[in-house]
Every structure is written in C-alpha cells, then in structure tokens.
C-alpha cells in the first residue's frame, strides 16, 4: 500500500485487499500516519465470514477492502459489509470522524457497530491514566519444561494457563488441563518469570473457537504465592505488582461485558487480544471500577455507562 501511494497521481484512487490489522495498534502507527497524511479513505468493505471468502487461501486474519484517494480526507466514508463476495452488501454512509481518528481507523460497518463505538464515549481513561499497565505472561511453557511439574511440591507455585479460565473465573488447579500446572520456584525461574503475589486481571490473548467473545477476562488473587502466567495470557498490574481487589473485580466485569466486547471487535482487526490493544483502550475511572467490583452482584446504579450485564464477582 505504501509503495502504491507513490505511484498514484493527485486525485487518483488506490484499492487494496489487506488484513485489517494495520488499522490499529502501535506496530502500524507510522504507516497509518504516512498514508493518512496524503490520502483520504472514501470506502471500506468488510466480510462477515473469513472462511466463506478466503478459505482456499488459508487466510487467518480478518480481511478488508479499502479505497483511498490521493487528496484530502472526504467528509463522508462509504462502509459496506457482506457475508461473502456473492452476497448483496449492506451499505451506509458515515462521517469520516467516526472512522478516521488520530490513533486508529475504526470500521463501524453496521449501525450496531456505530452504537458500540458511541457507547464507549463514557470511558475516558487509559490504563496508564489509572496507574496500571498490561503485560504478556512471561512463561513460554515448552522453553521451561525443566521447571514445570504436574503435582505440587515444596516450593512449587501455580502455573496459570488460558485453559485455567472458565466461565470468567480462574480455576487452579483444573482437572481438564493436561499441562503441568505447577512451577518449581528455583532460580532463575523465581526472579525472571514469576510475578509478586497479589491480585491480577488475566485476559486471554487467543479465544477458543467455542467462545463467542473476543475479550475473556478473570481475576487471579493469591496473597501467599507468586504465580507464573503463561505467554498466551495478558495480565493487568500496577508497576509490576498486584491490583486493588475491588478495582480488579471491576476491570474483569467491564472487560467481560458485551458492550465492551462489541466495541473491541470494531476497534481491533486482530483475531487475538494484544497487550498494545488493551493499553490503547479506554476504561472508567478508578472509583467507577471499584463500584463495579463491590459486593457479590453489580447493580445498574453502579455501572459507569449503564446497561452492563449483572454478574457475580468471584
């Protein structure tokens, strides 16, 4: 796409079929700035089913068609969506401000997508604003086999995998997990790969096929033992240490809610949840998160945006 823009005259058009992943995240930020400095997006088409269109090519990412014009950004952008290339597309015209921002390119292909983006206006803070950050789990299990164990022993601490998260709870140990769920906390494992004991919010980097949500979060809490988190998990922490338990519970409720999951699908073109995506997302205030996390049930009056599903805090 970048090379193609060098060949297009003023007023000329470039149409590209690409993975959607360039539209957000830090990895493609320089490319986005370069492209949008001289080109304006005038149309985007999305496919609702990746397998129906590109199954024979083994495409793993969500794929889009983007039309861009060499010149200023048009005021309106045509968004269209279809199941596959035979289906009649659903088309809508939206303001460019709803699609192109300073940081990302959103694709609210449907009115429901647009509502998901608008709903998130109530969240104004990044994790950094709240004094938190997110990291990827430190342990790559196949590189650490000599430290892993199937049974607990003296000095062993929990090894937590995505499979330990079920129904938005962390279950450890879990009988159905066949991998070794314990780590012998000897050096260098203790200093390099374990995190301090405390409360963390775990977010799956990859969602299972049977899961309907892209965002799957749960709270890990243990004040006595240092846990080890698998590399296929993201964990939210405060300067490398655990979180306030009520804030952690509120974060898990927020991330597991349908409106936030709907927004994330519009916001992110990845089939996985990257730590960088979570750093860029917006969240409620600390006070609002605490109120979300208080008690055994979440009541509507404590919801910062309203309409979050009520669910127990475990």
C-alpha atoms as a PDB file:
ATOM      1  CA  UNK A   1       0.000   0.000   0.000  1.00  0.00           C
ATOM      2  CA  UNK A   2       2.789   2.422   0.901  1.00  0.00           C
ATOM      3  CA  UNK A   3       4.619   1.813  -2.381  1.00  0.00           C
ATOM      4  CA  UNK A   4       1.368   2.069  -4.301  1.00  0.00           C
ATOM      5  CA  UNK A   5       0.663   5.537  -2.923  1.00  0.00           C
ATOM      6  CA  UNK A   6       3.921   6.754  -4.506  1.00  0.00           C
ATOM      7  CA  UNK A   7       2.568   5.821  -7.940  1.00  0.00           C
ATOM      8  CA  UNK A   8      -0.861   7.437  -7.659  1.00  0.00           C
ATOM      9  CA  UNK A   9      -1.366  10.943  -9.058  1.00  0.00           C
ATOM     10  CA  UNK A  10      -3.343  13.601  -7.221  1.00  0.00           C
ATOM     11  CA  UNK A  11      -6.997  12.620  -7.336  1.00  0.00           C
ATOM     12  CA  UNK A  12      -6.092   9.026  -8.182  1.00  0.00           C
ATOM     13  CA  UNK A  13      -7.525   6.029  -6.365  1.00  0.00           C
ATOM     14  CA  UNK A  14      -5.876   3.018  -4.737  1.00  0.00           C
ATOM     15  CA  UNK A  15      -7.955  -0.066  -3.828  1.00  0.00           C
ATOM     16  CA  UNK A  16      -6.323  -2.719  -1.658  1.00  0.00           C
ATOM     17  CA  UNK A  17      -7.321  -6.068  -0.156  1.00  0.00           C
ATOM     18  CA  UNK A  18      -5.361  -6.389   3.085  1.00  0.00           C
ATOM     19  CA  UNK A  19      -5.529  -7.736   6.615  1.00  0.00           C
ATOM     20  CA  UNK A  20      -7.399  -5.289   8.822  1.00  0.00           C
ATOM     21  CA  UNK A  21      -4.660  -5.284  11.459  1.00  0.00           C
ATOM     22  CA  UNK A  22      -2.922  -2.161  10.102  1.00  0.00           C
ATOM     23  CA  UNK A  23      -5.845  -0.021  11.260  1.00  0.00           C
ATOM     24  CA  UNK A  24      -4.900  -0.073  14.941  1.00  0.00           C
ATOM     25  CA  UNK A  25      -2.030  -0.807  17.294  1.00  0.00           C
ATOM     26  CA  UNK A  26       1.452   0.642  17.633  1.00  0.00           C
ATOM     27  CA  UNK A  27       3.130  -1.653  15.086  1.00  0.00           C
ATOM     28  CA  UNK A  28       1.480   0.093  12.094  1.00  0.00           C
ATOM     29  CA  UNK A  29       1.191   3.586  13.611  1.00  0.00           C
ATOM     30  CA  UNK A  30       3.921   5.087  11.396  1.00  0.00           C
ATOM     31  CA  UNK A  31       2.338   3.564   8.287  1.00  0.00           C
ATOM     32  CA  UNK A  32      -1.096   4.949   9.235  1.00  0.00           C
ATOM     33  CA  UNK A  33       0.294   8.444   9.768  1.00  0.00           C
ATOM     34  CA  UNK A  34       2.165   8.332   6.442  1.00  0.00           C
ATOM     35  CA  UNK A  35      -0.843   7.052   4.500  1.00  0.00           C
ATOM     36  CA  UNK A  36      -3.406   9.410   6.025  1.00  0.00           C
ATOM     37  CA  UNK A  37      -1.134  12.435   5.645  1.00  0.00           C
ATOM     38  CA  UNK A  38      -1.684  12.430   1.865  1.00  0.00           C
ATOM     39  CA  UNK A  39      -4.585  10.018   1.227  1.00  0.00           C
ATOM     40  CA  UNK A  40      -8.199  10.092   2.305  1.00  0.00           C
ATOM     41  CA  UNK A  41     -10.224   6.916   2.805  1.00  0.00           C
ATOM     42  CA  UNK A  42     -13.501   7.037   0.896  1.00  0.00           C
ATOM     43  CA  UNK A  43     -14.782   3.431   1.171  1.00  0.00           C
ATOM     44  CA  UNK A  44     -14.219   0.289   3.260  1.00  0.00           C
ATOM     45  CA  UNK A  45     -15.757  -3.146   2.723  1.00  0.00           C
ATOM     46  CA  UNK A  46     -15.708  -5.908   5.350  1.00  0.00           C
ATOM     47  CA  UNK A  47     -16.590  -9.593   5.107  1.00  0.00           C
ATOM     48  CA  UNK A  48     -18.598 -11.099   7.946  1.00  0.00           C
ATOM     49  CA  UNK A  49     -17.183 -14.576   7.299  1.00  0.00           C
ATOM     50  CA  UNK A  50     -13.473 -15.067   6.736  1.00  0.00           C
ATOM     51  CA  UNK A  51     -13.887 -18.731   5.777  1.00  0.00           C
ATOM     52  CA  UNK A  52     -16.546 -18.095   3.118  1.00  0.00           C
ATOM     53  CA  UNK A  53     -14.291 -15.809   1.081  1.00  0.00           C
ATOM     54  CA  UNK A  54     -10.684 -16.868   1.608  1.00  0.00           C
ATOM     55  CA  UNK A  55     -10.956 -20.451   2.823  1.00  0.00           C
ATOM     56  CA  UNK A  56      -8.984 -21.836  -0.126  1.00  0.00           C
ATOM     57  CA  UNK A  57      -6.086 -19.460   0.618  1.00  0.00           C
ATOM     58  CA  UNK A  58      -5.773 -20.269   4.328  1.00  0.00           C
ATOM     59  CA  UNK A  59      -6.187 -16.634   5.368  1.00  0.00           C
ATOM     60  CA  UNK A  60      -6.092 -16.386   9.153  1.00  0.00           C
ATOM     61  CA  UNK A  61      -6.734 -12.662   9.658  1.00  0.00           C
ATOM     62  CA  UNK A  62      -9.826 -10.564   9.138  1.00  0.00           C
ATOM     63  CA  UNK A  63      -9.572  -9.118   5.622  1.00  0.00           C
ATOM     64  CA  UNK A  64     -10.930  -5.840   4.268  1.00  0.00           C
ATOM     65  CA  UNK A  65     -11.096  -3.865   1.023  1.00  0.00           C
ATOM     66  CA  UNK A  66     -10.071  -0.217   1.337  1.00  0.00           C
ATOM     67  CA  UNK A  67     -10.413   2.544  -1.245  1.00  0.00           C
ATOM     68  CA  UNK A  68      -8.247   5.627  -0.723  1.00  0.00           C
ATOM     69  CA  UNK A  69      -7.932   8.813  -2.794  1.00  0.00           C
ATOM     70  CA  UNK A  70      -4.769  10.877  -3.185  1.00  0.00           C
ATOM     71  CA  UNK A  71      -6.021  14.089  -1.625  1.00  0.00           C
ATOM     72  CA  UNK A  72      -7.788  15.409   1.462  1.00  0.00           C
ATOM     73  CA  UNK A  73      -9.987  13.157   3.580  1.00  0.00           C
ATOM     74  CA  UNK A  74     -13.611  13.194   2.292  1.00  0.00           C
ATOM     75  CA  UNK A  75     -16.231  14.275   4.818  1.00  0.00           C
ATOM     76  CA  UNK A  76     -18.162  11.008   4.382  1.00  0.00           C
ATOM     77  CA  UNK A  77     -16.994   7.400   4.029  1.00  0.00           C
ATOM     78  CA  UNK A  78     -18.992   4.568   2.490  1.00  0.00           C
ATOM     79  CA  UNK A  79     -18.939   1.467   4.694  1.00  0.00           C
ATOM     80  CA  UNK A  80     -20.253  -1.808   3.316  1.00  0.00           C
ATOM     81  CA  UNK A  81     -20.382  -5.347   4.603  1.00  0.00           C
ATOM     82  CA  UNK A  82     -21.322  -8.765   3.196  1.00  0.00           C
ATOM     83  CA  UNK A  83     -21.056 -12.393   4.227  1.00  0.00           C
ATOM     84  CA  UNK A  84     -19.026 -13.235   1.130  1.00  0.00           C
ATOM     85  CA  UNK A  85     -18.366 -11.963  -2.412  1.00  0.00           C
ATOM     86  CA  UNK A  86     -21.714 -13.352  -3.702  1.00  0.00           C
ATOM     87  CA  UNK A  87     -23.859 -11.733  -1.022  1.00  0.00           C
ATOM     88  CA  UNK A  88     -25.529  -8.351  -1.583  1.00  0.00           C
ATOM     89  CA  UNK A  89     -23.653  -5.895   0.636  1.00  0.00           C
ATOM     90  CA  UNK A  90     -25.282  -3.684   3.247  1.00  0.00           C
ATOM     91  CA  UNK A  91     -24.044  -0.117   2.722  1.00  0.00           C
ATOM     92  CA  UNK A  92     -24.132   3.012   4.861  1.00  0.00           C
ATOM     93  CA  UNK A  93     -22.584   6.463   4.687  1.00  0.00           C
ATOM     94  CA  UNK A  94     -20.924   7.708   7.877  1.00  0.00           C
ATOM     95  CA  UNK A  95     -18.985  10.763   8.908  1.00  0.00           C
ATOM     96  CA  UNK A  96     -15.244  10.393   8.423  1.00  0.00           C
ATOM     97  CA  UNK A  97     -14.793  11.455  12.066  1.00  0.00           C
ATOM     98  CA  UNK A  98     -16.419   8.160  13.122  1.00  0.00           C
ATOM     99  CA  UNK A  99     -13.852   6.164  11.153  1.00  0.00           C
ATOM    100  CA  UNK A 100     -10.530   8.027  10.956  1.00  0.00           C
ATOM    101  CA  UNK A 101      -9.012   9.296  14.213  1.00  0.00           C
ATOM    102  CA  UNK A 102      -5.541  10.421  15.218  1.00  0.00           C
ATOM    103  CA  UNK A 103      -4.745   6.956  16.522  1.00  0.00           C
ATOM    104  CA  UNK A 104      -6.910   4.402  14.720  1.00  0.00           C
ATOM    105  CA  UNK A 105      -9.158   3.613  11.796  1.00  0.00           C
ATOM    106  CA  UNK A 106     -12.480   2.253  13.063  1.00  0.00           C
ATOM    107  CA  UNK A 107     -14.788   0.173  10.903  1.00  0.00           C
ATOM    108  CA  UNK A 108     -18.336   0.541  12.291  1.00  0.00           C
ATOM    109  CA  UNK A 109     -19.786  -1.381   9.341  1.00  0.00           C
ATOM    110  CA  UNK A 110     -23.267  -1.643  10.864  1.00  0.00           C
ATOM    111  CA  UNK A 111     -25.457   0.595  12.975  1.00  0.00           C
ATOM    112  CA  UNK A 112     -24.792  -1.807  15.870  1.00  0.00           C
ATOM    113  CA  UNK A 113     -21.052  -1.220  15.435  1.00  0.00           C
ATOM    114  CA  UNK A 114     -21.632   2.537  15.482  1.00  0.00           C
ATOM    115  CA  UNK A 115     -23.641   2.207  18.680  1.00  0.00           C
ATOM    116  CA  UNK A 116     -20.799   0.208  20.263  1.00  0.00           C
ATOM    117  CA  UNK A 117     -18.311   2.987  19.458  1.00  0.00           C
ATOM    118  CA  UNK A 118     -20.658   5.685  20.756  1.00  0.00           C
ATOM    119  CA  UNK A 119     -21.365   3.695  23.926  1.00  0.00           C
ATOM    120  CA  UNK A 120     -17.658   3.770  24.773  1.00  0.00           C
ATOM    121  CA  UNK A 121     -17.684   7.570  24.929  1.00  0.00           C
ATOM    122  CA  UNK A 122     -18.418   7.126  28.633  1.00  0.00           C
ATOM    123  CA  UNK A 123     -14.945   5.610  29.198  1.00  0.00           C
ATOM    124  CA  UNK A 124     -12.249   8.286  29.239  1.00  0.00           C
ATOM    125  CA  UNK A 125      -9.144   6.780  30.831  1.00  0.00           C
ATOM    126  CA  UNK A 126      -6.359   4.552  29.580  1.00  0.00           C
ATOM    127  CA  UNK A 127      -4.772   2.021  31.902  1.00  0.00           C
ATOM    128  CA  UNK A 128      -1.775   4.354  32.173  1.00  0.00           C
ATOM    129  CA  UNK A 129      -4.062   7.173  33.317  1.00  0.00           C
ATOM    130  CA  UNK A 130      -5.302   4.845  36.070  1.00  0.00           C
ATOM    131  CA  UNK A 131      -1.769   3.933  37.195  1.00  0.00           C
ATOM    132  CA  UNK A 132      -1.902   0.451  35.653  1.00  0.00           C
ATOM    133  CA  UNK A 133      -0.395  -1.336  32.721  1.00  0.00           C
ATOM    134  CA  UNK A 134      -0.699  -4.674  30.945  1.00  0.00           C
ATOM    135  CA  UNK A 135       1.991  -7.199  30.100  1.00  0.00           C
ATOM    136  CA  UNK A 136       2.162 -10.541  28.362  1.00  0.00           C
ATOM    137  CA  UNK A 137       2.722 -13.607  30.535  1.00  0.00           C
ATOM    138  CA  UNK A 138       6.389 -14.354  30.998  1.00  0.00           C
ATOM    139  CA  UNK A 139       6.471 -18.155  30.702  1.00  0.00           C
ATOM    140  CA  UNK A 140       6.692 -19.983  27.379  1.00  0.00           C
ATOM    141  CA  UNK A 141       5.934 -23.468  28.640  1.00  0.00           C
ATOM    142  CA  UNK A 142       7.909 -25.523  26.107  1.00  0.00           C
ATOM    143  CA  UNK A 143      11.033 -23.484  26.917  1.00  0.00           C
ATOM    144  CA  UNK A 144      10.624 -24.004  30.662  1.00  0.00           C
ATOM    145  CA  UNK A 145       9.882 -27.727  30.857  1.00  0.00           C
ATOM    146  CA  UNK A 146      12.636 -28.433  33.376  1.00  0.00           C
ATOM    147  CA  UNK A 147      10.861 -26.178  35.919  1.00  0.00           C
ATOM    148  CA  UNK A 148       7.294 -27.404  35.373  1.00  0.00           C
ATOM    149  CA  UNK A 149       5.547 -30.135  37.349  1.00  0.00           C
ATOM    150  CA  UNK A 150       2.185 -31.924  37.230  1.00  0.00           C
ATOM    151  CA  UNK A 151       1.957 -32.242  41.015  1.00  0.00           C
ATOM    152  CA  UNK A 152       2.521 -29.656  43.762  1.00  0.00           C
ATOM    153  CA  UNK A 153       5.612 -29.980  45.932  1.00  0.00           C
ATOM    154  CA  UNK A 154       7.520 -27.929  48.472  1.00  0.00           C
ATOM    155  CA  UNK A 155       8.410 -24.612  46.924  1.00  0.00           C
ATOM    156  CA  UNK A 156       6.117 -25.091  43.923  1.00  0.00           C
ATOM    157  CA  UNK A 157       3.848 -22.232  42.830  1.00  0.00           C
ATOM    158  CA  UNK A 158       0.885 -22.072  40.410  1.00  0.00           C
ATOM    159  CA  UNK A 159       1.419 -22.057  36.662  1.00  0.00           C
ATOM    160  CA  UNK A 160      -1.666 -20.459  35.105  1.00  0.00           C
ATOM    161  CA  UNK A 161      -2.758 -21.106  31.513  1.00  0.00           C
ATOM    162  CA  UNK A 162      -5.677 -19.743  29.447  1.00  0.00           C
ATOM    163  CA  UNK A 163      -7.350 -23.118  29.985  1.00  0.00           C
ATOM    164  CA  UNK A 164      -7.492 -22.345  33.719  1.00  0.00           C
ATOM    165  CA  UNK A 165     -10.029 -19.623  32.887  1.00  0.00           C
ATOM    166  CA  UNK A 166     -13.557 -20.961  32.637  1.00  0.00           C
ATOM    167  CA  UNK A 167     -16.810 -19.029  32.860  1.00  0.00           C
ATOM    168  CA  UNK A 168     -14.803 -15.895  33.630  1.00  0.00           C
ATOM    169  CA  UNK A 169     -13.190 -17.488  36.670  1.00  0.00           C
ATOM    170  CA  UNK A 170      -9.678 -18.799  37.289  1.00  0.00           C
ATOM    171  CA  UNK A 171      -9.766 -22.433  38.389  1.00  0.00           C
ATOM    172  CA  UNK A 172      -6.385 -23.711  39.575  1.00  0.00           C
ATOM    173  CA  UNK A 173      -5.574 -26.499  39.510  1.00  0.00           C
ATOM    174  CA  UNK A 174      -8.131 -27.608  36.929  1.00  0.00           C
ATOM    175  CA  UNK A 175      -8.570 -31.306  36.205  1.00  0.00           C
ATOM    176  CA  UNK A 176      -9.179 -30.856  32.482  1.00  0.00           C
ATOM    177  CA  UNK A 177      -5.882 -29.026  31.954  1.00  0.00           C
ATOM    178  CA  UNK A 178      -3.341 -31.615  30.843  1.00  0.00           C
ATOM    179  CA  UNK A 179      -0.319 -29.362  31.020  1.00  0.00           C
ATOM    180  CA  UNK A 180       1.829 -29.184  34.178  1.00  0.00           C
ATOM    181  CA  UNK A 181       0.148 -26.615  36.441  1.00  0.00           C
ATOM    182  CA  UNK A 182       2.995 -26.075  38.905  1.00  0.00           C
ATOM    183  CA  UNK A 183       6.369 -24.363  38.737  1.00  0.00           C
ATOM    184  CA  UNK A 184       9.375 -25.177  40.874  1.00  0.00           C
ATOM    185  CA  UNK A 185      10.274 -21.697  42.101  1.00  0.00           C
ATOM    186  CA  UNK A 186      14.030 -22.051  41.967  1.00  0.00           C
ATOM    187  CA  UNK A 187      16.427 -19.591  40.388  1.00  0.00           C
ATOM    188  CA  UNK A 188      16.351 -18.210  37.727  1.00  0.00           C
ATOM    189  CA  UNK A 189      12.637 -19.007  37.493  1.00  0.00           C
ATOM    190  CA  UNK A 190      11.709 -17.041  40.615  1.00  0.00           C
ATOM    191  CA  UNK A 191      13.320 -13.752  39.623  1.00  0.00           C
ATOM    192  CA  UNK A 192      12.805 -13.845  35.855  1.00  0.00           C
ATOM    193  CA  UNK A 193       9.395 -15.400  35.326  1.00  0.00           C
ATOM    194  CA  UNK A 194       7.258 -15.199  38.467  1.00  0.00           C
ATOM    195  CA  UNK A 195       5.267 -12.105  39.440  1.00  0.00           C
ATOM    196  CA  UNK A 196       4.723 -10.909  43.022  1.00  0.00           C
ATOM    197  CA  UNK A 197       1.863 -12.466  44.963  1.00  0.00           C
ATOM    198  CA  UNK A 198      -1.320 -10.431  44.689  1.00  0.00           C
ATOM    199  CA  UNK A 199      -4.389  -9.735  42.584  1.00  0.00           C
ATOM    200  CA  UNK A 200      -4.219  -9.503  38.784  1.00  0.00           C
ATOM    201  CA  UNK A 201      -6.687  -9.382  35.919  1.00  0.00           C
ATOM    202  CA  UNK A 202      -5.915 -12.037  33.317  1.00  0.00           C
ATOM    203  CA  UNK A 203      -7.058 -11.617  29.709  1.00  0.00           C
ATOM    204  CA  UNK A 204      -6.804 -14.397  27.160  1.00  0.00           C
ATOM    205  CA  UNK A 205      -4.709 -13.474  24.142  1.00  0.00           C
ATOM    206  CA  UNK A 206      -6.494 -16.069  22.000  1.00  0.00           C
ATOM    207  CA  UNK A 207     -10.148 -17.015  22.365  1.00  0.00           C
ATOM    208  CA  UNK A 208     -11.243 -20.601  21.821  1.00  0.00           C
ATOM    209  CA  UNK A 209     -13.471 -21.452  18.848  1.00  0.00           C
ATOM    210  CA  UNK A 210     -16.441 -22.191  21.102  1.00  0.00           C
ATOM    211  CA  UNK A 211     -16.198 -18.820  22.838  1.00  0.00           C
ATOM    212  CA  UNK A 212     -18.451 -16.128  21.441  1.00  0.00           C
ATOM    213  CA  UNK A 213     -16.435 -13.285  22.956  1.00  0.00           C
ATOM    214  CA  UNK A 214     -13.120 -11.867  21.845  1.00  0.00           C
ATOM    215  CA  UNK A 215     -12.422 -10.486  25.332  1.00  0.00           C
ATOM    216  CA  UNK A 216     -12.267 -13.103  28.100  1.00  0.00           C
ATOM    217  CA  UNK A 217     -11.040 -11.857  31.484  1.00  0.00           C
ATOM    218  CA  UNK A 218     -10.822 -13.237  35.013  1.00  0.00           C
ATOM    219  CA  UNK A 219      -9.290 -12.267  38.363  1.00  0.00           C
ATOM    220  CA  UNK A 220      -6.331 -14.131  39.838  1.00  0.00           C
ATOM    221  CA  UNK A 221      -5.835 -13.499  43.550  1.00  0.00           C
ATOM    222  CA  UNK A 222      -3.355 -15.141  45.908  1.00  0.00           C
ATOM    223  CA  UNK A 223      -1.572 -13.178  48.637  1.00  0.00           C
ATOM    224  CA  UNK A 224       0.722 -16.033  49.598  1.00  0.00           C
ATOM    225  CA  UNK A 225       2.251 -17.415  46.416  1.00  0.00           C
ATOM    226  CA  UNK A 226       3.979 -15.905  43.410  1.00  0.00           C
ATOM    227  CA  UNK A 227       2.180 -17.071  40.257  1.00  0.00           C
ATOM    228  CA  UNK A 228       3.582 -17.762  36.821  1.00  0.00           C
ATOM    229  CA  UNK A 229       1.434 -16.669  33.866  1.00  0.00           C
ATOM    230  CA  UNK A 230       1.589 -18.392  30.507  1.00  0.00           C
ATOM    231  CA  UNK A 231       2.687 -16.396  27.464  1.00  0.00           C
ATOM    232  CA  UNK A 232      -0.796 -16.790  25.959  1.00  0.00           C
ATOM    233  CA  UNK A 233      -2.230 -14.598  28.734  1.00  0.00           C
ATOM    234  CA  UNK A 234      -2.093 -10.864  29.262  1.00  0.00           C
ATOM    235  CA  UNK A 235      -2.098  -9.657  32.869  1.00  0.00           C
ATOM    236  CA  UNK A 236      -3.024  -6.204  34.157  1.00  0.00           C
ATOM    237  CA  UNK A 237      -0.919  -4.972  37.062  1.00  0.00           C
ATOM    238  CA  UNK A 238       0.279  -1.881  38.905  1.00  0.00           C
ATOM    239  CA  UNK A 239       4.001  -1.243  38.382  1.00  0.00           C
ATOM    240  CA  UNK A 240       4.656  -4.979  38.350  1.00  0.00           C
ATOM    241  CA  UNK A 241       2.616  -5.666  41.473  1.00  0.00           C
ATOM    242  CA  UNK A 242      -0.956  -6.686  42.187  1.00  0.00           C
ATOM    243  CA  UNK A 243      -4.070  -4.514  41.954  1.00  0.00           C
ATOM    244  CA  UNK A 244      -6.626  -3.351  44.477  1.00  0.00           C
ATOM    245  CA  UNK A 245      -9.031  -6.353  44.605  1.00  0.00           C
ATOM    246  CA  UNK A 246     -12.148  -4.224  44.060  1.00  0.00           C
ATOM    247  CA  UNK A 247     -10.569  -2.441  41.107  1.00  0.00           C
ATOM    248  CA  UNK A 248      -9.503  -5.807  39.666  1.00  0.00           C
ATOM    249  CA  UNK A 249     -13.031  -7.186  40.042  1.00  0.00           C
ATOM    250  CA  UNK A 250     -14.424  -4.079  38.350  1.00  0.00           C
ATOM    251  CA  UNK A 251     -11.966  -4.398  35.478  1.00  0.00           C
ATOM    252  CA  UNK A 252     -12.991  -8.016  34.919  1.00  0.00           C
ATOM    253  CA  UNK A 253     -16.693  -7.105  34.888  1.00  0.00           C
ATOM    254  CA  UNK A 254     -16.007  -4.259  32.465  1.00  0.00           C
ATOM    255  CA  UNK A 255     -13.908  -6.349  30.066  1.00  0.00           C
ATOM    256  CA  UNK A 256     -16.370  -9.257  30.129  1.00  0.00           C
ATOM    257  CA  UNK A 257     -19.385  -7.108  29.320  1.00  0.00           C
ATOM    258  CA  UNK A 258     -20.979  -7.427  25.890  1.00  0.00           C
ATOM    259  CA  UNK A 259     -20.835  -3.688  25.024  1.00  0.00           C
ATOM    260  CA  UNK A 260     -17.070  -3.631  25.591  1.00  0.00           C
ATOM    261  CA  UNK A 261     -16.590  -6.834  23.602  1.00  0.00           C
ATOM    262  CA  UNK A 262     -18.682  -5.357  20.759  1.00  0.00           C
ATOM    263  CA  UNK A 263     -16.527  -2.237  20.823  1.00  0.00           C
ATOM    264  CA  UNK A 264     -13.299  -4.247  20.804  1.00  0.00           C
ATOM    265  CA  UNK A 265     -14.362  -6.055  17.642  1.00  0.00           C
ATOM    266  CA  UNK A 266     -14.873  -2.695  15.907  1.00  0.00           C
ATOM    267  CA  UNK A 267     -11.662  -1.302  17.381  1.00  0.00           C
ATOM    268  CA  UNK A 268      -9.364  -4.253  16.675  1.00  0.00           C
ATOM    269  CA  UNK A 269      -8.886  -6.151  13.450  1.00  0.00           C
ATOM    270  CA  UNK A 270      -6.820  -8.832  15.148  1.00  0.00           C
ATOM    271  CA  UNK A 271      -8.093 -12.305  15.907  1.00  0.00           C
ATOM    272  CA  UNK A 272      -6.137 -12.072  19.157  1.00  0.00           C
ATOM    273  CA  UNK A 273      -6.046  -9.619  22.063  1.00  0.00           C
ATOM    274  CA  UNK A 274      -2.686  -7.886  22.192  1.00  0.00           C
ATOM    275  CA  UNK A 275      -1.331  -6.046  25.214  1.00  0.00           C
ATOM    276  CA  UNK A 276      -0.965  -2.975  22.980  1.00  0.00           C
ATOM    277  CA  UNK A 277      -4.703  -3.039  22.203  1.00  0.00           C
ATOM    278  CA  UNK A 278      -5.544  -3.042  25.922  1.00  0.00           C
ATOM    279  CA  UNK A 279      -3.130  -0.151  26.541  1.00  0.00           C
ATOM    280  CA  UNK A 280      -4.928   1.930  23.917  1.00  0.00           C
ATOM    281  CA  UNK A 281      -8.465   1.150  25.114  1.00  0.00           C
ATOM    282  CA  UNK A 282     -10.441   3.459  27.388  1.00  0.00           C
ATOM    283  CA  UNK A 283     -11.756   2.491  30.822  1.00  0.00           C
ATOM    284  CA  UNK A 284     -13.950   4.013  33.547  1.00  0.00           C
ATOM    285  CA  UNK A 285     -12.395   5.878  36.477  1.00  0.00           C
ATOM    286  CA  UNK A 286     -10.889   4.051  39.458  1.00  0.00           C
ATOM    287  CA  UNK A 287     -13.888   4.991  41.586  1.00  0.00           C
ATOM    288  CA  UNK A 288     -16.296   3.644  38.972  1.00  0.00           C
ATOM    289  CA  UNK A 289     -14.283   0.430  38.667  1.00  0.00           C
ATOM    290  CA  UNK A 290     -14.327  -0.018  42.447  1.00  0.00           C
ATOM    291  CA  UNK A 291     -18.085   0.396  42.500  1.00  0.00           C
ATOM    292  CA  UNK A 292     -18.359  -2.171  39.720  1.00  0.00           C
ATOM    293  CA  UNK A 293     -16.298  -4.564  41.793  1.00  0.00           C
ATOM    294  CA  UNK A 294     -18.014  -4.092  45.134  1.00  0.00           C
ATOM    295  CA  UNK A 295     -20.360  -6.697  46.533  1.00  0.00           C
ATOM    296  CA  UNK A 296     -21.385 -10.005  45.059  1.00  0.00           C
ATOM    297  CA  UNK A 297     -23.567  -8.511  42.320  1.00  0.00           C
ATOM    298  CA  UNK A 298     -23.204  -5.496  40.047  1.00  0.00           C
ATOM    299  CA  UNK A 299     -26.179  -3.158  40.225  1.00  0.00           C
ATOM    300  CA  UNK A 300     -27.222  -0.814  37.445  1.00  0.00           C
ATOM    301  CA  UNK A 301     -26.720   2.290  39.563  1.00  0.00           C
ATOM    302  CA  UNK A 302     -23.044   1.374  39.948  1.00  0.00           C
ATOM    303  CA  UNK A 303     -22.460   0.975  36.230  1.00  0.00           C
ATOM    304  CA  UNK A 304     -20.492   3.906  34.797  1.00  0.00           C
ATOM    305  CA  UNK A 305     -22.182   3.595  31.399  1.00  0.00           C
ATOM    306  CA  UNK A 306     -25.351   1.771  32.326  1.00  0.00           C
ATOM    307  CA  UNK A 307     -26.664  -1.427  30.722  1.00  0.00           C
ATOM    308  CA  UNK A 308     -23.710  -3.586  31.771  1.00  0.00           C
ATOM    309  CA  UNK A 309     -24.914  -7.116  32.450  1.00  0.00           C
ATOM    310  CA  UNK A 310     -25.257  -8.031  36.096  1.00  0.00           C
ATOM    311  CA  UNK A 311     -22.914 -10.848  37.017  1.00  0.00           C
ATOM    312  CA  UNK A 312     -21.415 -12.221  40.239  1.00  0.00           C
ATOM    313  CA  UNK A 313     -17.915 -11.298  41.296  1.00  0.00           C
ATOM    314  CA  UNK A 314     -15.942 -14.412  42.164  1.00  0.00           C
END
